[in-house]
Amino acid sequence: PRRVAKPGDMPLSLGNSDPHGERSGNKAYGAD
């Protein structure tokens, strides 16, 4: 799971919030 930054944190774009989004078997992520 990706964490949403809080005020005062570094202004990073923390990416995909899908806990399984990085798996190659996830077609939606592969298409993205």
All heavy atoms as atom14 arrays in JSON, in Angstrom:
{
  "sequence": "PRRVAKPGDMPLSLGNSDPHGERSGNKAYGAD",
  "atom14_mask": [
    [1, 1, 1, 1, 1, 1, 1, 0, 0, 0, 0, 0, 0, 0],
    [1, 1, 1, 1, 1, 1, 1, 1, 1, 1, 1, 0, 0, 0],
    [1, 1, 1, 1, 1, 1, 1, 1, 1, 1, 1, 0, 0, 0],
    [1, 1, 1, 1, 1, 1, 1, 0, 0, 0, 0, 0, 0, 0],
    [1, 1, 1, 1, 1, 0, 0, 0, 0, 0, 0, 0, 0, 0],
    [1, 1, 1, 1, 1, 1, 1, 1, 1, 0, 0, 0, 0, 0],
    [1, 1, 1, 1, 1, 1, 1, 0, 0, 0, 0, 0, 0, 0],
    [1, 1, 1, 1, 0, 0, 0, 0, 0, 0, 0, 0, 0, 0],
    [1, 1, 1, 1, 1, 1, 1, 1, 0, 0, 0, 0, 0, 0],
    [1, 1, 1, 1, 1, 1, 1, 1, 0, 0, 0, 0, 0, 0],
    [1, 1, 1, 1, 1, 1, 1, 0, 0, 0, 0, 0, 0, 0],
    [1, 1, 1, 1, 1, 1, 1, 1, 0, 0, 0, 0, 0, 0],
    [1, 1, 1, 1, 1, 1, 0, 0, 0, 0, 0, 0, 0, 0],
    [1, 1, 1, 1, 1, 1, 1, 1, 0, 0, 0, 0, 0, 0],
    [1, 1, 1, 1, 0, 0, 0, 0, 0, 0, 0, 0, 0, 0],
    [1, 1, 1, 1, 1, 1, 1, 1, 0, 0, 0, 0, 0, 0],
    [1, 1, 1, 1, 1, 1, 0, 0, 0, 0, 0, 0, 0, 0],
    [1, 1, 1, 1, 1, 1, 1, 1, 0, 0, 0, 0, 0, 0],
    [1, 1, 1, 1, 1, 1, 1, 0, 0, 0, 0, 0, 0, 0],
    [1, 1, 1, 1, 1, 1, 1, 1, 1, 1, 0, 0, 0, 0],
    [1, 1, 1, 1, 0, 0, 0, 0, 0, 0, 0, 0, 0, 0],
    [1, 1, 1, 1, 1, 1, 1, 1, 1, 0, 0, 0, 0, 0],
    [1, 1, 1, 1, 1, 1, 1, 1, 1, 1, 1, 0, 0, 0],
    [1, 1, 1, 1, 1, 1, 0, 0, 0, 0, 0, 0, 0, 0],
    [1, 1, 1, 1, 0, 0, 0, 0, 0, 0, 0, 0, 0, 0],
    [1, 1, 1, 1, 1, 1, 1, 1, 0, 0, 0, 0, 0, 0],
    [1, 1, 1, 1, 1, 1, 1, 1, 1, 0, 0, 0, 0, 0],
    [1, 1, 1, 1, 1, 0, 0, 0, 0, 0, 0, 0, 0, 0],
    [1, 1, 1, 1, 1, 1, 1, 1, 1, 1, 1, 1, 0, 0],
    [1, 1, 1, 1, 0, 0, 0, 0, 0, 0, 0, 0, 0, 0],
    [1, 1, 1, 1, 1, 0, 0, 0, 0, 0, 0, 0, 0, 0],
    [1, 1, 1, 1, 1, 1, 1, 1, 0, 0, 0, 0, 0, 0]
  ],
  "atom14_positions": [
    [[0.82, -1.21, 0.0], [0.0, 0.0, 0.0], [0.85, 1.26, 0.0], [1.85, 1.31, 0.69], [-0.81, -0.12, 1.29], [0.04, -0.96, 2.19], [0.76, -1.92, 1.29], [0.0, 0.0, 0.0], [0.0, 0.0, 0.0], [0.0, 0.0, 0.0], [0.0, 0.0, 0.0], [0.0, 0.0, 0.0], [0.0, 0.0, 0.0], [0.0, 0.0, 0.0]],
    [[0.47, 2.22, -0.81], [1.21, 3.47, -0.88], [0.61, 4.47, 0.1], [-0.59, 4.54, 0.28], [1.17, 4.04, -2.3], [1.58, 3.05, -3.39], [3.01, 2.58, -3.22], [3.93, 3.59, -3.64], [5.24, 3.46, -3.53], [5.76, 2.38, -2.99], [6.05, 4.41, -3.94], [0.0, 0.0, 0.0], [0.0, 0.0, 0.0], [0.0, 0.0, 0.0]],
    [[1.43, 5.26, 0.69], [1.0, 6.18, 1.73], [0.76, 7.56, 1.15], [1.54, 8.07, 0.35], [2.08, 6.25, 2.81], [1.82, 7.28, 3.89], [2.95, 7.23, 4.91], [2.82, 8.32, 5.85], [3.29, 9.53, 5.62], [3.9, 9.81, 4.51], [3.13, 10.48, 6.53], [0.0, 0.0, 0.0], [0.0, 0.0, 0.0], [0.0, 0.0, 0.0]],
    [[-0.36, 8.17, 1.55], [-0.64, 9.55, 1.14], [0.16, 10.49, 2.03], [0.13, 10.38, 3.26], [-2.14, 9.85, 1.25], [-2.42, 11.3, 0.9], [-2.93, 8.91, 0.36], [0.0, 0.0, 0.0], [0.0, 0.0, 0.0], [0.0, 0.0, 0.0], [0.0, 0.0, 0.0], [0.0, 0.0, 0.0], [0.0, 0.0, 0.0], [0.0, 0.0, 0.0]],
    [[0.87, 11.42, 1.41], [1.71, 12.32, 2.18], [0.88, 13.21, 3.09], [-0.22, 13.64, 2.74], [2.55, 13.18, 1.24], [0.0, 0.0, 0.0], [0.0, 0.0, 0.0], [0.0, 0.0, 0.0], [0.0, 0.0, 0.0], [0.0, 0.0, 0.0], [0.0, 0.0, 0.0], [0.0, 0.0, 0.0], [0.0, 0.0, 0.0], [0.0, 0.0, 0.0]],
    [[1.42, 13.48, 4.27], [0.79, 14.39, 5.22], [1.41, 15.78, 5.09], [2.51, 15.92, 4.56], [0.98, 13.86, 6.64], [0.33, 12.52, 6.92], [0.64, 12.08, 8.35], [0.03, 10.74, 8.65], [0.36, 10.28, 10.04], [0.0, 0.0, 0.0], [0.0, 0.0, 0.0], [0.0, 0.0, 0.0], [0.0, 0.0, 0.0], [0.0, 0.0, 0.0]],
    [[0.73, 16.8, 5.58], [1.35, 18.14, 5.58], [2.71, 18.1, 6.26], [2.86, 17.53, 7.35], [0.34, 18.98, 6.37], [-0.97, 18.28, 6.17], [-0.64, 16.82, 6.11], [0.0, 0.0, 0.0], [0.0, 0.0, 0.0], [0.0, 0.0, 0.0], [0.0, 0.0, 0.0], [0.0, 0.0, 0.0], [0.0, 0.0, 0.0], [0.0, 0.0, 0.0]],
    [[3.67, 18.7, 5.63], [5.02, 18.71, 6.18], [5.9, 17.6, 5.64], [7.11, 17.65, 5.79], [0.0, 0.0, 0.0], [0.0, 0.0, 0.0], [0.0, 0.0, 0.0], [0.0, 0.0, 0.0], [0.0, 0.0, 0.0], [0.0, 0.0, 0.0], [0.0, 0.0, 0.0], [0.0, 0.0, 0.0], [0.0, 0.0, 0.0], [0.0, 0.0, 0.0]],
    [[5.29, 16.58, 5.04], [6.08, 15.54, 4.42], [6.67, 16.05, 3.12], [6.28, 17.08, 2.58], [5.23, 14.3, 4.11], [4.86, 13.53, 5.37], [5.43, 13.84, 6.44], [4.0, 12.64, 5.27], [0.0, 0.0, 0.0], [0.0, 0.0, 0.0], [0.0, 0.0, 0.0], [0.0, 0.0, 0.0], [0.0, 0.0, 0.0], [0.0, 0.0, 0.0]],
    [[7.62, 15.29, 2.58], [8.15, 15.64, 1.27], [7.03, 15.6, 0.24], [6.18, 14.7, 0.26], [9.24, 14.65, 0.86], [10.53, 14.8, 1.64], [11.35, 16.35, 1.28], [11.85, 16.07, -0.41], [0.0, 0.0, 0.0], [0.0, 0.0, 0.0], [0.0, 0.0, 0.0], [0.0, 0.0, 0.0], [0.0, 0.0, 0.0], [0.0, 0.0, 0.0]],
    [[6.99, 16.53, -0.69], [5.92, 16.56, -1.7], [6.17, 15.55, -2.81], [6.41, 15.89, -3.95], [5.99, 17.99, -2.23], [7.43, 18.36, -2.09], [7.88, 17.68, -0.82], [0.0, 0.0, 0.0], [0.0, 0.0, 0.0], [0.0, 0.0, 0.0], [0.0, 0.0, 0.0], [0.0, 0.0, 0.0], [0.0, 0.0, 0.0], [0.0, 0.0, 0.0]],
    [[6.09, 14.26, -2.45], [6.35, 13.2, -3.41], [5.04, 12.69, -3.97], [4.04, 12.59, -3.28], [7.08, 12.04, -2.75], [8.43, 12.36, -2.11], [8.98, 11.11, -1.45], [9.39, 12.86, -3.17], [0.0, 0.0, 0.0], [0.0, 0.0, 0.0], [0.0, 0.0, 0.0], [0.0, 0.0, 0.0], [0.0, 0.0, 0.0], [0.0, 0.0, 0.0]],
    [[5.05, 12.33, -5.25], [3.94, 11.59, -5.83], [4.19, 10.12, -5.55], [5.09, 9.51, -6.11], [3.87, 11.84, -7.34], [2.91, 11.0, -7.92], [0.0, 0.0, 0.0], [0.0, 0.0, 0.0], [0.0, 0.0, 0.0], [0.0, 0.0, 0.0], [0.0, 0.0, 0.0], [0.0, 0.0, 0.0], [0.0, 0.0, 0.0], [0.0, 0.0, 0.0]],
    [[3.38, 9.54, -4.65], [3.7, 8.21, -4.15], [3.12, 7.09, -5.0], [3.26, 5.93, -4.67], [3.24, 8.08, -2.71], [4.0, 8.99, -1.75], [3.45, 8.87, -0.35], [5.49, 8.68, -1.76], [0.0, 0.0, 0.0], [0.0, 0.0, 0.0], [0.0, 0.0, 0.0], [0.0, 0.0, 0.0], [0.0, 0.0, 0.0], [0.0, 0.0, 0.0]],
    [[2.42, 7.41, -6.08], [2.12, 6.38, -7.07], [0.9, 5.55, -6.78], [-0.02, 5.93, -6.08], [0.0, 0.0, 0.0], [0.0, 0.0, 0.0], [0.0, 0.0, 0.0], [0.0, 0.0, 0.0], [0.0, 0.0, 0.0], [0.0, 0.0, 0.0], [0.0, 0.0, 0.0], [0.0, 0.0, 0.0], [0.0, 0.0, 0.0], [0.0, 0.0, 0.0]],
    [[0.91, 4.35, -7.36], [-0.23, 3.45, -7.39], [-0.64, 3.02, -5.98], [0.15, 2.53, -5.21], [0.18, 2.22, -8.22], [-1.01, 1.38, -8.62], [-2.04, 1.41, -7.97], [-0.85, 0.65, -9.7], [0.0, 0.0, 0.0], [0.0, 0.0, 0.0], [0.0, 0.0, 0.0], [0.0, 0.0, 0.0], [0.0, 0.0, 0.0], [0.0, 0.0, 0.0]],
    [[-1.92, 3.19, -5.65], [-2.39, 2.8, -4.32], [-2.89, 1.38, -4.27], [-3.31, 0.9, -3.22], [-3.52, 3.74, -3.88], [-4.62, 3.65, -4.77], [0.0, 0.0, 0.0], [0.0, 0.0, 0.0], [0.0, 0.0, 0.0], [0.0, 0.0, 0.0], [0.0, 0.0, 0.0], [0.0, 0.0, 0.0], [0.0, 0.0, 0.0], [0.0, 0.0, 0.0]],
    [[-2.91, 0.67, -5.38], [-3.33, -0.73, -5.42], [-2.25, -1.6, -4.79], [-1.12, -1.64, -5.27], [-3.55, -1.14, -6.88], [-3.89, -2.61, -7.04], [-4.04, -3.31, -6.03], [-4.0, -3.05, -8.2], [0.0, 0.0, 0.0], [0.0, 0.0, 0.0], [0.0, 0.0, 0.0], [0.0, 0.0, 0.0], [0.0, 0.0, 0.0], [0.0, 0.0, 0.0]],
    [[-2.56, -2.32, -3.7], [-1.51, -3.11, -3.04], [-0.94, -4.2, -3.91], [0.13, -4.71, -3.62], [-2.22, -3.68, -1.8], [-3.67, -3.61, -2.12], [-3.83, -2.42, -3.01], [0.0, 0.0, 0.0], [0.0, 0.0, 0.0], [0.0, 0.0, 0.0], [0.0, 0.0, 0.0], [0.0, 0.0, 0.0], [0.0, 0.0, 0.0], [0.0, 0.0, 0.0]],
    [[-1.63, -4.57, -5.0], [-1.11, -5.58, -5.91], [-0.82, -4.98, -7.3], [-0.64, -5.69, -8.27], [-2.1, -6.74, -6.05], [-2.4, -7.39, -4.73], [-1.47, -8.12, -4.03], [-3.52, -7.4, -3.98], [-2.01, -8.57, -2.91], [-3.25, -8.13, -2.85], [0.0, 0.0, 0.0], [0.0, 0.0, 0.0], [0.0, 0.0, 0.0], [0.0, 0.0, 0.0]],
    [[-0.78, -3.65, -7.35], [-0.68, -3.0, -8.64], [0.59, -3.26, -9.38], [0.65, -3.09, -10.59], [0.0, 0.0, 0.0], [0.0, 0.0, 0.0], [0.0, 0.0, 0.0], [0.0, 0.0, 0.0], [0.0, 0.0, 0.0], [0.0, 0.0, 0.0], [0.0, 0.0, 0.0], [0.0, 0.0, 0.0], [0.0, 0.0, 0.0], [0.0, 0.0, 0.0]],
    [[1.67, -3.63, -8.67], [2.94, -3.81, -9.34], [3.08, -5.2, -9.94], [4.0, -5.47, -10.7], [4.07, -3.56, -8.34], [5.41, -3.44, -9.01], [6.51, -3.2, -8.01], [6.35, -3.52, -6.84], [7.56, -2.71, -8.43], [0.0, 0.0, 0.0], [0.0, 0.0, 0.0], [0.0, 0.0, 0.0], [0.0, 0.0, 0.0], [0.0, 0.0, 0.0]],
    [[2.19, -6.13, -9.62], [2.3, -7.47, -10.14], [2.1, -7.47, -11.64], [1.16, -6.87, -12.16], [1.26, -8.39, -9.5], [1.32, -8.39, -7.98], [2.64, -8.99, -7.47], [2.63, -9.07, -6.01], [3.27, -8.23, -5.23], [3.96, -7.24, -5.74], [3.24, -8.4, -3.92], [0.0, 0.0, 0.0], [0.0, 0.0, 0.0], [0.0, 0.0, 0.0]],
    [[2.98, -8.13, -12.37], [2.87, -8.14, -13.82], [1.56, -8.77, -14.28], [1.07, -8.47, -15.34], [4.05, -8.9, -14.42], [5.24, -8.18, -14.24], [0.0, 0.0, 0.0], [0.0, 0.0, 0.0], [0.0, 0.0, 0.0], [0.0, 0.0, 0.0], [0.0, 0.0, 0.0], [0.0, 0.0, 0.0], [0.0, 0.0, 0.0], [0.0, 0.0, 0.0]],
    [[1.02, -9.67, -13.47], [-0.24, -10.29, -13.83], [-1.41, -9.33, -13.8], [-2.49, -9.64, -14.3], [0.0, 0.0, 0.0], [0.0, 0.0, 0.0], [0.0, 0.0, 0.0], [0.0, 0.0, 0.0], [0.0, 0.0, 0.0], [0.0, 0.0, 0.0], [0.0, 0.0, 0.0], [0.0, 0.0, 0.0], [0.0, 0.0, 0.0], [0.0, 0.0, 0.0]],
    [[-1.24, -8.15, -13.22], [-2.29, -7.15, -13.18], [-2.3, -6.41, -14.52], [-1.48, -5.56, -14.79], [-2.03, -6.17, -12.03], [-3.16, -5.18, -11.84], [-3.73, -4.68, -12.8], [-3.48, -4.89, -10.59], [0.0, 0.0, 0.0], [0.0, 0.0, 0.0], [0.0, 0.0, 0.0], [0.0, 0.0, 0.0], [0.0, 0.0, 0.0], [0.0, 0.0, 0.0]],
    [[-3.26, -6.77, -15.37], [-3.28, -6.23, -16.73], [-3.49, -4.73, -16.74], [-2.94, -4.03, -17.59], [-4.36, -6.94, -17.54], [-4.07, -8.42, -17.78], [-5.17, -9.06, -18.62], [-4.87, -10.54, -18.84], [-5.92, -11.2, -19.66], [0.0, 0.0, 0.0], [0.0, 0.0, 0.0], [0.0, 0.0, 0.0], [0.0, 0.0, 0.0], [0.0, 0.0, 0.0]],
    [[-4.27, -4.24, -15.78], [-4.51, -2.8, -15.74], [-3.22, -2.05, -15.5], [-2.95, -1.02, -16.13], [-5.54, -2.48, -14.66], [0.0, 0.0, 0.0], [0.0, 0.0, 0.0], [0.0, 0.0, 0.0], [0.0, 0.0, 0.0], [0.0, 0.0, 0.0], [0.0, 0.0, 0.0], [0.0, 0.0, 0.0], [0.0, 0.0, 0.0], [0.0, 0.0, 0.0]],
    [[-2.39, -2.56, -14.59], [-1.13, -1.89, -14.33], [-0.19, -2.0, -15.53], [0.47, -1.03, -15.91], [-0.46, -2.47, -13.08], [0.82, -1.76, -12.74], [0.79, -0.46, -12.25], [2.05, -2.36, -12.96], [1.96, 0.21, -11.96], [3.23, -1.68, -12.67], [3.17, -0.41, -12.17], [4.32, 0.25, -11.9], [0.0, 0.0, 0.0], [0.0, 0.0, 0.0]],
    [[-0.14, -3.19, -16.15], [0.7, -3.35, -17.34], [0.29, -2.4, -18.45], [1.12, -1.8, -19.12], [0.0, 0.0, 0.0], [0.0, 0.0, 0.0], [0.0, 0.0, 0.0], [0.0, 0.0, 0.0], [0.0, 0.0, 0.0], [0.0, 0.0, 0.0], [0.0, 0.0, 0.0], [0.0, 0.0, 0.0], [0.0, 0.0, 0.0], [0.0, 0.0, 0.0]],
    [[-1.01, -2.24, -18.63], [-1.49, -1.31, -19.66], [-1.12, 0.12, -19.32], [-0.79, 0.93, -20.2], [-2.99, -1.46, -19.82], [0.0, 0.0, 0.0], [0.0, 0.0, 0.0], [0.0, 0.0, 0.0], [0.0, 0.0, 0.0], [0.0, 0.0, 0.0], [0.0, 0.0, 0.0], [0.0, 0.0, 0.0], [0.0, 0.0, 0.0], [0.0, 0.0, 0.0]],
    [[-1.17, 0.44, -18.05], [-0.84, 1.79, -17.62], [0.63, 2.13, -17.89], [1.0, 3.29, -17.99], [-1.14, 1.94, -16.13], [-0.88, 3.34, -15.61], [-1.55, 4.28, -16.09], [-0.01, 3.5, -14.74], [0.0, 0.0, 0.0], [0.0, 0.0, 0.0], [0.0, 0.0, 0.0], [0.0, 0.0, 0.0], [0.0, 0.0, 0.0], [0.0, 0.0, 0.0]]
  ]
}
